[in-house]
Amino acid sequence: MSFTPRFAWHNGQIVPWDDCVVHVRTQGAFWGANVFEGVRAYWQADEAQLRLFRLQDHLDRLHRSMKCIAMPCRYSDEEIRSGCQTLLRANEVAGDAHVCIVGYFGMGPNFDPLCYTEDAGLHITAIPAPRSPRFHAGAAACISSWRRISDDTMPPRIKTGANYHNSRLAQHEAIRNGYDTCLITNQRGTVSEAPGACFVMVRDGRLVTPPGTSGVLEGITLATIETLARETLGVDLERREIDRTELYLADELFLCGTLAEITPITTIDRIAVGSGQVGVLTKRLQAVFDATVLGTDNPAWSMPVYADSERHTRKTDDALEQVV
């Protein structure tokens, strides 16, 4: 079951969806001077419960991004957590959702998008996020002609909107060339990540991923997979540089991220990865991952949205009482 967003959360208040706006002259809108986190909310139909997955870890990374660009935050973690819950309840969400938490810079002095300002806001939105069919079918990827941004230009470990133009260019090129997605190499020519997702290689039964110094966002889903692989499957994750041609020799490849979850890559540059089918270890990780995000194996990572096991039935008028 999906939903249509009716409300958003903006600077501490539930507002109608169409009223969640920032001015075009804000630094956040004009220059992409914002930081954000995308959080998955998983619907458990058997319990009529919605669970936010690893919300606190996403908030911790949001604060790290804010620190790097000297952005103040007017809201506590408790206020943001409550804002996410209140928003999902107001929208009566009964399906998987993607919750986006965005901190942005407002107007600079004299409307200058470059000037420093402590004027900053925060908004939260939630949209339906059904699982991609590529979770089971896999994706065709290529190596992008675009290079990944580096820490001495646009620090990739900061999750800021401006950085994602790099990902957008690479992804659009891949789509135009007939692929589903791509992998991007860094300035050293080794593999970094996909647009909006980390990636993992399986070779000789080992999991391998690029290190944090290779131009990657330090992924929360990747950290989840590392823990699950070690504790549940007895497989360690190695962090090291990966050459392009090593991808052609890999047994399995997959992307991992909040939206990607665990997306197998079945071909790279039109060369089959392994057998060209979703790999055995990838399937095992998907099964363990599913059990975890639904809160059955690791409830410490999952925050329930509704106060009890029944679907919240808040009406539109109740939510509108919070609108200023």
C-alpha atoms as a PDB file:
ATOM      1  CA  MET A   1       0.000   0.000   0.000  1.00  0.00           C
ATOM      2  CA  SER A   2       1.377   3.398  -0.967  1.00  0.00           C
ATOM      3  CA  PHE A   3       0.412   6.935   0.001  1.00  0.00           C
ATOM      4  CA  THR A   4       0.203  10.454  -1.387  1.00  0.00           C
ATOM      5  CA  PRO A   5       2.174  13.062   0.580  1.00  0.00           C
ATOM      6  CA  ARG A   6      -0.172  15.655   2.038  1.00  0.00           C
ATOM      7  CA  PHE A   7       2.130  17.201   4.607  1.00  0.00           C
ATOM      8  CA  ALA A   8       5.764  18.122   5.162  1.00  0.00           C
ATOM      9  CA  TRP A   9       7.731  19.348   8.189  1.00  0.00           C
ATOM     10  CA  HIS A  10       9.386  22.750   7.928  1.00  0.00           C
ATOM     11  CA  ASN A  11      11.289  24.491  10.709  1.00  0.00           C
ATOM     12  CA  GLY A  12       9.445  22.748  13.496  1.00  0.00           C
ATOM     13  CA  GLN A  13       5.930  22.708  12.061  1.00  0.00           C
ATOM     14  CA  ILE A  14       3.768  20.338  10.042  1.00  0.00           C
ATOM     15  CA  VAL A  15       2.713  22.230   6.911  1.00  0.00           C
ATOM     16  CA  PRO A  16       0.685  21.341   3.803  1.00  0.00           C
ATOM     17  CA  TRP A  17       2.891  19.724   1.144  1.00  0.00           C
ATOM     18  CA  ASP A  18       2.613  22.656  -1.274  1.00  0.00           C
ATOM     19  CA  ASP A  19       3.576  25.139   1.454  1.00  0.00           C
ATOM     20  CA  CYS A  20       6.928  23.512   2.213  1.00  0.00           C
ATOM     21  CA  VAL A  21       8.975  25.983   0.164  1.00  0.00           C
ATOM     22  CA  VAL A  22      12.180  28.011   0.389  1.00  0.00           C
ATOM     23  CA  HIS A  23      12.880  31.169  -1.563  1.00  0.00           C
ATOM     24  CA  VAL A  24      14.785  30.826  -4.822  1.00  0.00           C
ATOM     25  CA  ARG A  25      17.376  33.324  -3.537  1.00  0.00           C
ATOM     26  CA  THR A  26      18.328  31.256  -0.508  1.00  0.00           C
ATOM     27  CA  GLN A  27      21.825  29.846  -0.666  1.00  0.00           C
ATOM     28  CA  GLY A  28      20.334  26.369  -0.344  1.00  0.00           C
ATOM     29  CA  ALA A  29      18.269  26.799  -3.503  1.00  0.00           C
ATOM     30  CA  PHE A  30      20.572  29.097  -5.479  1.00  0.00           C
ATOM     31  CA  TRP A  31      23.877  27.267  -4.977  1.00  0.00           C
ATOM     32  CA  GLY A  32      22.863  23.951  -3.491  1.00  0.00           C
ATOM     33  CA  ALA A  33      24.247  25.033  -0.101  1.00  0.00           C
ATOM     34  CA  ASN A  34      22.486  22.302   1.822  1.00  0.00           C
ATOM     35  CA  VAL A  35      23.168  19.004   3.541  1.00  0.00           C
ATOM     36  CA  PHE A  36      20.743  16.125   3.690  1.00  0.00           C
ATOM     37  CA  GLU A  37      20.043  12.557   4.723  1.00  0.00           C
ATOM     38  CA  GLY A  38      17.696  10.049   3.168  1.00  0.00           C
ATOM     39  CA  VAL A  39      16.223   7.509   5.585  1.00  0.00           C
ATOM     40  CA  ARG A  40      14.235   4.386   4.725  1.00  0.00           C
ATOM     41  CA  ALA A  41      10.999   3.653   6.547  1.00  0.00           C
ATOM     42  CA  TYR A  42       9.876   0.037   6.171  1.00  0.00           C
ATOM     43  CA  TRP A  43       6.252  -1.041   6.455  1.00  0.00           C
ATOM     44  CA  GLN A  44       5.522  -4.263   8.339  1.00  0.00           C
ATOM     45  CA  ALA A  45       2.103  -5.344   7.115  1.00  0.00           C
ATOM     46  CA  ASP A  46       1.745  -8.197   9.613  1.00  0.00           C
ATOM     47  CA  GLU A  47       2.177  -5.777  12.531  1.00  0.00           C
ATOM     48  CA  ALA A  48       0.705  -2.697  10.816  1.00  0.00           C
ATOM     49  CA  GLN A  49       3.878  -0.937  11.912  1.00  0.00           C
ATOM     50  CA  LEU A  50       6.266   1.459  10.166  1.00  0.00           C
ATOM     51  CA  ARG A  51       9.935   1.472  11.176  1.00  0.00           C
ATOM     52  CA  LEU A  52      12.643   4.021  10.445  1.00  0.00           C
ATOM     53  CA  PHE A  53      15.944   2.275   9.795  1.00  0.00           C
ATOM     54  CA  ARG A  54      19.090   3.590  11.512  1.00  0.00           C
ATOM     55  CA  LEU A  55      17.681   7.091  11.915  1.00  0.00           C
ATOM     56  CA  GLN A  56      20.178   8.098  14.606  1.00  0.00           C
ATOM     57  CA  ASP A  57      23.127   7.077  12.423  1.00  0.00           C
ATOM     58  CA  HIS A  58      21.748   9.271   9.653  1.00  0.00           C
ATOM     59  CA  LEU A  59      21.383  12.179  12.084  1.00  0.00           C
ATOM     60  CA  ASP A  60      24.969  11.686  13.234  1.00  0.00           C
ATOM     61  CA  ARG A  61      26.155  11.902   9.626  1.00  0.00           C
ATOM     62  CA  LEU A  62      23.947  14.946   9.038  1.00  0.00           C
ATOM     63  CA  HIS A  63      25.703  16.720  11.907  1.00  0.00           C
ATOM     64  CA  ARG A  64      29.115  15.771  10.505  1.00  0.00           C
ATOM     65  CA  SER A  65      28.137  17.310   7.180  1.00  0.00           C
ATOM     66  CA  MET A  66      26.874  20.434   8.949  1.00  0.00           C
ATOM     67  CA  LYS A  67      30.148  20.725  10.853  1.00  0.00           C
ATOM     68  CA  CYS A  68      32.196  20.590   7.659  1.00  0.00           C
ATOM     69  CA  ILE A  69      30.316  23.522   6.110  1.00  0.00           C
ATOM     70  CA  ALA A  70      29.816  25.465   9.370  1.00  0.00           C
ATOM     71  CA  MET A  71      26.035  25.153   9.272  1.00  0.00           C
ATOM     72  CA  PRO A  72      24.225  25.719  12.606  1.00  0.00           C
ATOM     73  CA  CYS A  73      21.360  23.414  13.559  1.00  0.00           C
ATOM     74  CA  ARG A  74      18.485  24.915  15.526  1.00  0.00           C
ATOM     75  CA  TYR A  75      16.901  21.570  16.341  1.00  0.00           C
ATOM     76  CA  SER A  76      17.906  18.769  18.679  1.00  0.00           C
ATOM     77  CA  ASP A  77      18.038  15.173  17.565  1.00  0.00           C
ATOM     78  CA  GLU A  78      14.928  14.496  19.609  1.00  0.00           C
ATOM     79  CA  GLU A  79      13.060  17.276  17.789  1.00  0.00           C
ATOM     80  CA  ILE A  80      14.132  15.900  14.413  1.00  0.00           C
ATOM     81  CA  ARG A  81      13.229  12.320  15.364  1.00  0.00           C
ATOM     82  CA  SER A  82       9.860  13.513  16.597  1.00  0.00           C
ATOM     83  CA  GLY A  83       9.424  15.533  13.399  1.00  0.00           C
ATOM     84  CA  CYS A  84       9.965  12.402  11.293  1.00  0.00           C
ATOM     85  CA  GLN A  85       7.464  10.404  13.320  1.00  0.00           C
ATOM     86  CA  THR A  86       4.869  13.177  13.376  1.00  0.00           C
ATOM     87  CA  LEU A  87       5.167  13.694   9.621  1.00  0.00           C
ATOM     88  CA  LEU A  88       4.733  10.006   8.816  1.00  0.00           C
ATOM     89  CA  ARG A  89       1.738   9.795  11.116  1.00  0.00           C
ATOM     90  CA  ALA A  90       0.172  12.908   9.606  1.00  0.00           C
ATOM     91  CA  ASN A  91       0.496  11.353   6.150  1.00  0.00           C
ATOM     92  CA  GLU A  92      -0.919   8.070   7.494  1.00  0.00           C
ATOM     93  CA  VAL A  93       1.897   6.172   5.831  1.00  0.00           C
ATOM     94  CA  ALA A  94       1.229   2.474   5.395  1.00  0.00           C
ATOM     95  CA  GLY A  95       3.950   1.493   2.951  1.00  0.00           C
ATOM     96  CA  ASP A  96       7.693   1.793   2.463  1.00  0.00           C
ATOM     97  CA  ALA A  97       8.793   5.425   2.426  1.00  0.00           C
ATOM     98  CA  HIS A  98      11.867   7.573   1.838  1.00  0.00           C
ATOM     99  CA  VAL A  99      12.247  10.317   4.429  1.00  0.00           C
ATOM    100  CA  CYS A 100      14.528  13.184   3.430  1.00  0.00           C
ATOM    101  CA  ILE A 101      15.944  15.502   6.120  1.00  0.00           C
ATOM    102  CA  VAL A 102      17.499  18.651   4.655  1.00  0.00           C
ATOM    103  CA  GLY A 103      19.404  21.442   6.364  1.00  0.00           C
ATOM    104  CA  TYR A 104      19.852  24.515   4.188  1.00  0.00           C
ATOM    105  CA  PHE A 105      21.369  27.988   4.303  1.00  0.00           C
ATOM    106  CA  GLY A 106      18.887  30.843   3.953  1.00  0.00           C
ATOM    107  CA  MET A 107      19.436  34.365   2.644  1.00  0.00           C
ATOM    108  CA  GLY A 108      22.957  35.721   2.800  1.00  0.00           C
ATOM    109  CA  PRO A 109      23.750  39.391   3.492  1.00  0.00           C
ATOM    110  CA  ASN A 110      22.569  41.494   0.541  1.00  0.00           C
ATOM    111  CA  PHE A 111      21.187  38.259  -0.954  1.00  0.00           C
ATOM    112  CA  ASP A 112      24.736  37.203  -1.808  1.00  0.00           C
ATOM    113  CA  PRO A 113      24.856  33.404  -2.271  1.00  0.00           C
ATOM    114  CA  LEU A 114      28.574  33.364  -1.370  1.00  0.00           C
ATOM    115  CA  CYS A 115      28.524  35.337   1.897  1.00  0.00           C
ATOM    116  CA  TYR A 116      28.610  33.452   5.181  1.00  0.00           C
ATOM    117  CA  THR A 117      25.346  33.391   7.062  1.00  0.00           C
ATOM    118  CA  GLU A 118      24.025  31.668  10.167  1.00  0.00           C
ATOM    119  CA  ASP A 119      20.520  31.797   8.731  1.00  0.00           C
ATOM    120  CA  ALA A 120      19.711  28.114   8.295  1.00  0.00           C
ATOM    121  CA  GLY A 121      16.555  26.034   8.186  1.00  0.00           C
ATOM    122  CA  LEU A 122      15.484  22.419   8.158  1.00  0.00           C
ATOM    123  CA  HIS A 123      12.752  20.577   6.294  1.00  0.00           C
ATOM    124  CA  ILE A 124      11.604  16.967   6.243  1.00  0.00           C
ATOM    125  CA  THR A 125       9.597  15.296   3.500  1.00  0.00           C
ATOM    126  CA  ALA A 126       8.447  11.716   2.965  1.00  0.00           C
ATOM    127  CA  ILE A 127       7.536  10.056  -0.328  1.00  0.00           C
ATOM    128  CA  PRO A 128       6.586   6.488  -1.313  1.00  0.00           C
ATOM    129  CA  ALA A 129       9.637   4.272  -1.869  1.00  0.00           C
ATOM    130  CA  PRO A 130       8.698   0.839  -3.221  1.00  0.00           C
ATOM    131  CA  ARG A 131      11.579  -1.557  -3.705  1.00  0.00           C
ATOM    132  CA  SER A 132      13.226  -1.425  -7.111  1.00  0.00           C
ATOM    133  CA  PRO A 133      12.690  -4.514  -9.297  1.00  0.00           C
ATOM    134  CA  ARG A 134      16.478  -4.466  -9.797  1.00  0.00           C
ATOM    135  CA  PHE A 135      16.827  -5.750  -6.231  1.00  0.00           C
ATOM    136  CA  HIS A 136      15.988  -9.179  -7.660  1.00  0.00           C
ATOM    137  CA  ALA A 137      16.742  -8.778 -11.371  1.00  0.00           C
ATOM    138  CA  GLY A 138      20.043  -6.928 -11.096  1.00  0.00           C
ATOM    139  CA  ALA A 139      21.349  -3.916 -13.024  1.00  0.00           C
ATOM    140  CA  ALA A 140      23.525  -3.299 -16.065  1.00  0.00           C
ATOM    141  CA  ALA A 141      26.345  -0.876 -15.264  1.00  0.00           C
ATOM    142  CA  CYS A 142      29.204   0.819 -17.070  1.00  0.00           C
ATOM    143  CA  ILE A 143      32.291   2.763 -16.063  1.00  0.00           C
ATOM    144  CA  SER A 144      31.514   6.467 -16.347  1.00  0.00           C
ATOM    145  CA  SER A 145      33.666   8.860 -18.329  1.00  0.00           C
ATOM    146  CA  TRP A 146      33.190  11.347 -15.482  1.00  0.00           C
ATOM    147  CA  ARG A 147      35.642  11.319 -12.570  1.00  0.00           C
ATOM    148  CA  ARG A 148      34.575  11.380  -8.943  1.00  0.00           C
ATOM    149  CA  ILE A 149      35.023  14.649  -7.033  1.00  0.00           C
ATOM    150  CA  SER A 150      37.948  14.589  -4.591  1.00  0.00           C
ATOM    151  CA  ASP A 151      38.414  15.814  -1.052  1.00  0.00           C
ATOM    152  CA  ASP A 152      40.562  18.778  -2.152  1.00  0.00           C
ATOM    153  CA  THR A 153      37.752  20.155  -4.344  1.00  0.00           C
ATOM    154  CA  MET A 154      34.252  19.109  -3.163  1.00  0.00           C
ATOM    155  CA  PRO A 155      34.631  16.760  -0.176  1.00  0.00           C
ATOM    156  CA  PRO A 156      32.650  13.626  -1.121  1.00  0.00           C
ATOM    157  CA  ARG A 157      32.158  12.507   2.492  1.00  0.00           C
ATOM    158  CA  ILE A 158      29.890  15.542   2.982  1.00  0.00           C
ATOM    159  CA  LYS A 159      26.347  14.715   1.913  1.00  0.00           C
ATOM    160  CA  THR A 160      25.549  18.054   0.307  1.00  0.00           C
ATOM    161  CA  GLY A 161      23.284  18.793  -2.627  1.00  0.00           C
ATOM    162  CA  ALA A 162      25.992  20.513  -4.660  1.00  0.00           C
ATOM    163  CA  ASN A 163      28.098  17.327  -4.726  1.00  0.00           C
ATOM    164  CA  TYR A 164      25.355  15.380  -6.418  1.00  0.00           C
ATOM    165  CA  HIS A 165      25.696  17.215  -9.710  1.00  0.00           C
ATOM    166  CA  ASN A 166      28.722  14.955 -10.184  1.00  0.00           C
ATOM    167  CA  SER A 167      26.506  11.896  -9.673  1.00  0.00           C
ATOM    168  CA  ARG A 168      23.775  13.341 -11.888  1.00  0.00           C
ATOM    169  CA  LEU A 169      26.136  13.857 -14.821  1.00  0.00           C
ATOM    170  CA  ALA A 170      27.422  10.291 -14.526  1.00  0.00           C
ATOM    171  CA  GLN A 171      23.984   8.721 -14.130  1.00  0.00           C
ATOM    172  CA  HIS A 172      22.447  10.613 -17.052  1.00  0.00           C
ATOM    173  CA  GLU A 173      25.361   9.631 -19.289  1.00  0.00           C
ATOM    174  CA  ALA A 174      24.859   5.971 -18.328  1.00  0.00           C
ATOM    175  CA  ILE A 175      21.119   6.107 -19.085  1.00  0.00           C
ATOM    176  CA  ARG A 176      21.705   7.782 -22.447  1.00  0.00           C
ATOM    177  CA  ASN A 177      24.142   5.010 -23.333  1.00  0.00           C
ATOM    178  CA  GLY A 178      21.668   2.245 -22.530  1.00  0.00           C
ATOM    179  CA  TYR A 179      22.778   1.241 -19.016  1.00  0.00           C
ATOM    180  CA  ASP A 180      20.884   1.264 -15.730  1.00  0.00           C
ATOM    181  CA  THR A 181      23.665   2.920 -13.755  1.00  0.00           C
ATOM    182  CA  CYS A 182      27.437   3.319 -13.604  1.00  0.00           C
ATOM    183  CA  LEU A 183      30.515   3.199 -11.422  1.00  0.00           C
ATOM    184  CA  ILE A 184      32.707   6.281 -11.165  1.00  0.00           C
ATOM    185  CA  THR A 185      36.481   6.255 -10.915  1.00  0.00           C
ATOM    186  CA  ASN A 186      38.404   8.748  -8.804  1.00  0.00           C
ATOM    187  CA  GLN A 187      41.320  10.984  -9.717  1.00  0.00           C
ATOM    188  CA  ARG A 188      43.740   8.057  -9.279  1.00  0.00           C
ATOM    189  CA  GLY A 189      41.750   5.938 -11.729  1.00  0.00           C
ATOM    190  CA  THR A 190      40.547   3.416  -9.161  1.00  0.00           C
ATOM    191  CA  VAL A 191      36.858   2.738  -8.600  1.00  0.00           C
ATOM    192  CA  SER A 192      35.020   4.989  -6.153  1.00  0.00           C
ATOM    193  CA  GLU A 193      31.232   4.529  -6.042  1.00  0.00           C
ATOM    194  CA  ALA A 194      28.022   4.641  -8.041  1.00  0.00           C
ATOM    195  CA  PRO A 195      25.753   7.695  -8.306  1.00  0.00           C
ATOM    196  CA  GLY A 196      24.051   7.750  -4.919  1.00  0.00           C
ATOM    197  CA  ALA A 197      25.326   4.381  -3.710  1.00  0.00           C
ATOM    198  CA  CYS A 198      28.421   2.564  -2.480  1.00  0.00           C
ATOM    199  CA  PHE A 199      29.505  -0.646  -4.151  1.00  0.00           C
ATOM    200  CA  VAL A 200      30.941  -3.978  -3.049  1.00  0.00           C
ATOM    201  CA  MET A 201      32.875  -6.584  -5.016  1.00  0.00           C
ATOM    202  CA  VAL A 202      32.859 -10.299  -4.215  1.00  0.00           C
ATOM    203  CA  ARG A 203      36.049 -12.051  -5.243  1.00  0.00           C
ATOM    204  CA  ASP A 204      37.196 -15.478  -4.074  1.00  0.00           C
ATOM    205  CA  GLY A 205      34.528 -15.470  -1.378  1.00  0.00           C
ATOM    206  CA  ARG A 206      35.647 -12.139   0.091  1.00  0.00           C
ATOM    207  CA  LEU A 207      33.792  -8.823   0.221  1.00  0.00           C
ATOM    208  CA  VAL A 208      35.850  -5.858  -0.987  1.00  0.00           C
ATOM    209  CA  THR A 209      34.914  -2.169  -1.110  1.00  0.00           C
ATOM    210  CA  PRO A 210      36.901   1.029  -1.779  1.00  0.00           C
ATOM    211  CA  PRO A 211      38.337   2.782   1.303  1.00  0.00           C
ATOM    212  CA  GLY A 212      36.975   6.023   2.725  1.00  0.00           C
ATOM    213  CA  THR A 213      39.865   7.904   1.095  1.00  0.00           C
ATOM    214  CA  SER A 214      38.853   6.898  -2.436  1.00  0.00           C
ATOM    215  CA  GLY A 215      36.185   9.583  -2.891  1.00  0.00           C
ATOM    216  CA  VAL A 216      33.241   7.730  -1.383  1.00  0.00           C
ATOM    217  CA  LEU A 217      30.436   8.767   0.908  1.00  0.00           C
ATOM    218  CA  GLU A 218      30.882   6.794   4.119  1.00  0.00           C
ATOM    219  CA  GLY A 219      27.792   4.661   3.705  1.00  0.00           C
ATOM    220  CA  ILE A 220      25.410   3.622   6.484  1.00  0.00           C
ATOM    221  CA  THR A 221      23.963   0.776   4.415  1.00  0.00           C
ATOM    222  CA  LEU A 222      27.528  -0.350   3.688  1.00  0.00           C
ATOM    223  CA  ALA A 223      28.270  -0.340   7.426  1.00  0.00           C
ATOM    224  CA  THR A 224      25.104  -2.381   7.972  1.00  0.00           C
ATOM    225  CA  ILE A 225      26.212  -4.958   5.409  1.00  0.00           C
ATOM    226  CA  GLU A 226      29.687  -5.114   6.965  1.00  0.00           C
ATOM    227  CA  THR A 227      28.187  -5.939  10.367  1.00  0.00           C
ATOM    228  CA  LEU A 228      25.674  -8.442   9.021  1.00  0.00           C
ATOM    229  CA  ALA A 229      28.238 -10.220   6.845  1.00  0.00           C
ATOM    230  CA  ARG A 230      30.675 -10.581   9.733  1.00  0.00           C
ATOM    231  CA  GLU A 231      28.222 -11.513  12.507  1.00  0.00           C
ATOM    232  CA  THR A 232      25.737 -13.592  10.525  1.00  0.00           C
ATOM    233  CA  LEU A 233      27.682 -15.083   7.629  1.00  0.00           C
ATOM    234  CA  GLY A 234      31.219 -15.037   9.027  1.00  0.00           C
ATOM    235  CA  VAL A 235      32.496 -13.004   6.065  1.00  0.00           C
ATOM    236  CA  ASP A 236      34.718  -9.961   6.556  1.00  0.00           C
ATOM    237  CA  LEU A 237      34.648  -6.787   4.453  1.00  0.00           C
ATOM    238  CA  GLU A 238      38.016  -5.586   3.165  1.00  0.00           C
ATOM    239  CA  ARG A 239      38.619  -1.937   2.266  1.00  0.00           C
ATOM    240  CA  ARG A 240      41.192  -1.390  -0.490  1.00  0.00           C
ATOM    241  CA  GLU A 241      41.653   0.211  -3.886  1.00  0.00           C
ATOM    242  CA  ILE A 242      39.932  -1.573  -6.787  1.00  0.00           C
ATOM    243  CA  ASP A 243      41.096  -1.288 -10.399  1.00  0.00           C
ATOM    244  CA  ARG A 244      38.655  -1.127 -13.287  1.00  0.00           C
ATOM    245  CA  THR A 245      39.732  -4.412 -14.835  1.00  0.00           C
ATOM    246  CA  GLU A 246      39.331  -6.211 -11.505  1.00  0.00           C
ATOM    247  CA  LEU A 247      35.584  -5.616 -11.860  1.00  0.00           C
ATOM    248  CA  TYR A 248      35.605  -7.781 -15.003  1.00  0.00           C
ATOM    249  CA  LEU A 249      37.124 -10.637 -12.986  1.00  0.00           C
ATOM    250  CA  ALA A 250      34.811 -10.312  -9.982  1.00  0.00           C
ATOM    251  CA  ASP A 251      32.522 -13.155  -8.939  1.00  0.00           C
ATOM    252  CA  GLU A 252      29.758 -10.740  -7.875  1.00  0.00           C
ATOM    253  CA  LEU A 253      29.161  -6.996  -7.664  1.00  0.00           C
ATOM    254  CA  PHE A 254      26.417  -5.085  -5.896  1.00  0.00           C
ATOM    255  CA  LEU A 255      25.434  -1.549  -4.982  1.00  0.00           C
ATOM    256  CA  CYS A 256      24.317  -0.625  -1.483  1.00  0.00           C
ATOM    257  CA  GLY A 257      22.570   2.484  -0.222  1.00  0.00           C
ATOM    258  CA  THR A 258      19.373   3.738   1.359  1.00  0.00           C
ATOM    259  CA  LEU A 259      17.447   3.687  -1.918  1.00  0.00           C
ATOM    260  CA  ALA A 260      19.526   1.016  -3.667  1.00  0.00           C
ATOM    261  CA  GLU A 261      19.375  -1.299  -0.624  1.00  0.00           C
ATOM    262  CA  ILE A 262      21.369  -4.227  -2.089  1.00  0.00           C
ATOM    263  CA  THR A 263      21.198  -3.996  -5.887  1.00  0.00           C
ATOM    264  CA  PRO A 264      23.163  -6.661  -7.789  1.00  0.00           C
ATOM    265  CA  ILE A 265      25.192  -5.650 -10.835  1.00  0.00           C
ATOM    266  CA  THR A 266      24.965  -8.439 -13.398  1.00  0.00           C
ATOM    267  CA  THR A 267      26.984  -6.821 -16.212  1.00  0.00           C
ATOM    268  CA  ILE A 268      29.708  -4.172 -16.273  1.00  0.00           C
ATOM    269  CA  ASP A 269      30.599  -2.536 -19.613  1.00  0.00           C
ATOM    270  CA  ARG A 270      28.400  -5.271 -21.174  1.00  0.00           C
ATOM    271  CA  ILE A 271      30.672  -7.957 -19.696  1.00  0.00           C
ATOM    272  CA  ALA A 272      28.896 -10.519 -17.516  1.00  0.00           C
ATOM    273  CA  VAL A 273      29.744 -10.372 -13.817  1.00  0.00           C
ATOM    274  CA  GLY A 274      30.410 -13.981 -12.813  1.00  0.00           C
ATOM    275  CA  SER A 275      27.656 -16.054 -14.399  1.00  0.00           C
ATOM    276  CA  GLY A 276      25.687 -12.946 -15.317  1.00  0.00           C
ATOM    277  CA  GLN A 277      23.084 -13.794 -12.669  1.00  0.00           C
ATOM    278  CA  VAL A 278      22.576 -12.530  -9.119  1.00  0.00           C
ATOM    279  CA  GLY A 279      25.318 -14.142  -7.036  1.00  0.00           C
ATOM    280  CA  VAL A 280      24.935 -16.594  -4.159  1.00  0.00           C
ATOM    281  CA  LEU A 281      26.564 -14.384  -1.512  1.00  0.00           C
ATOM    282  CA  THR A 282      24.572 -11.371  -2.691  1.00  0.00           C
ATOM    283  CA  LYS A 283      21.331 -13.335  -2.263  1.00  0.00           C
ATOM    284  CA  ARG A 284      22.350 -14.437   1.231  1.00  0.00           C
ATOM    285  CA  LEU A 285      23.100 -10.854   2.198  1.00  0.00           C
ATOM    286  CA  GLN A 286      19.768  -9.691   0.784  1.00  0.00           C
ATOM    287  CA  ALA A 287      17.935 -12.227   2.950  1.00  0.00           C
ATOM    288  CA  VAL A 288      19.783 -11.203   6.107  1.00  0.00           C
ATOM    289  CA  PHE A 289      19.316  -7.541   5.235  1.00  0.00           C
ATOM    290  CA  ASP A 290      15.561  -7.993   4.805  1.00  0.00           C
ATOM    291  CA  ALA A 291      15.224  -9.675   8.179  1.00  0.00           C
ATOM    292  CA  THR A 292      17.153  -6.819   9.757  1.00  0.00           C
ATOM    293  CA  VAL A 293      15.422  -3.800   8.225  1.00  0.00           C
ATOM    294  CA  LEU A 294      12.049  -5.223   9.175  1.00  0.00           C
ATOM    295  CA  GLY A 295      13.150  -5.136  12.780  1.00  0.00           C
ATOM    296  CA  THR A 296      13.029  -8.841  13.481  1.00  0.00           C
ATOM    297  CA  ASP A 297      16.767  -9.481  13.899  1.00  0.00           C
ATOM    298  CA  ASN A 298      18.083  -6.119  15.089  1.00  0.00           C
ATOM    299  CA  PRO A 299      15.312  -3.962  16.618  1.00  0.00           C
ATOM    300  CA  ALA A 300      17.938  -1.569  18.012  1.00  0.00           C
ATOM    301  CA  TRP A 301      18.395  -0.222  14.490  1.00  0.00           C
ATOM    302  CA  SER A 302      14.671   0.227  13.835  1.00  0.00           C
ATOM    303  CA  MET A 303      12.539   2.968  15.380  1.00  0.00           C
ATOM    304  CA  PRO A 304       8.765   2.375  15.329  1.00  0.00           C
ATOM    305  CA  VAL A 305       6.641   5.248  14.050  1.00  0.00           C
ATOM    306  CA  TYR A 306       3.281   4.334  15.520  1.00  0.00           C
ATOM    307  CA  ALA A 307       2.658   4.172  19.245  1.00  0.00           C
ATOM    308  CA  ASP A 308       1.076   0.713  19.089  1.00  0.00           C
ATOM    309  CA  SER A 309       0.789  -2.124  16.604  1.00  0.00           C
ATOM    310  CA  GLU A 310      -2.285  -0.688  14.918  1.00  0.00           C
ATOM    311  CA  ARG A 311      -2.092   1.730  12.020  1.00  0.00           C
ATOM    312  CA  HIS A 312      -2.325   5.317  13.181  1.00  0.00           C
ATOM    313  CA  THR A 313      -5.603   6.886  12.107  1.00  0.00           C
ATOM    314  CA  ARG A 314      -4.878  10.551  12.579  1.00  0.00           C
ATOM    315  CA  LYS A 315      -7.142  12.596  10.329  1.00  0.00           C
ATOM    316  CA  THR A 316      -6.140  15.485   8.142  1.00  0.00           C
ATOM    317  CA  ASP A 317      -7.831  18.013  10.416  1.00  0.00           C
ATOM    318  CA  ASP A 318      -5.801  16.786  13.401  1.00  0.00           C
ATOM    319  CA  ALA A 319      -2.551  17.280  11.527  1.00  0.00           C
ATOM    320  CA  LEU A 320      -3.598  20.698  10.301  1.00  0.00           C
ATOM    321  CA  GLU A 321      -3.934  21.863  13.902  1.00  0.00           C
ATOM    322  CA  GLN A 322      -0.122  22.015  13.931  1.00  0.00           C
ATOM    323  CA  VAL A 323       0.047  24.210  10.832  1.00  0.00           C
ATOM    324  CA  VAL A 324       1.049  27.780  11.534  1.00  0.00           C
END
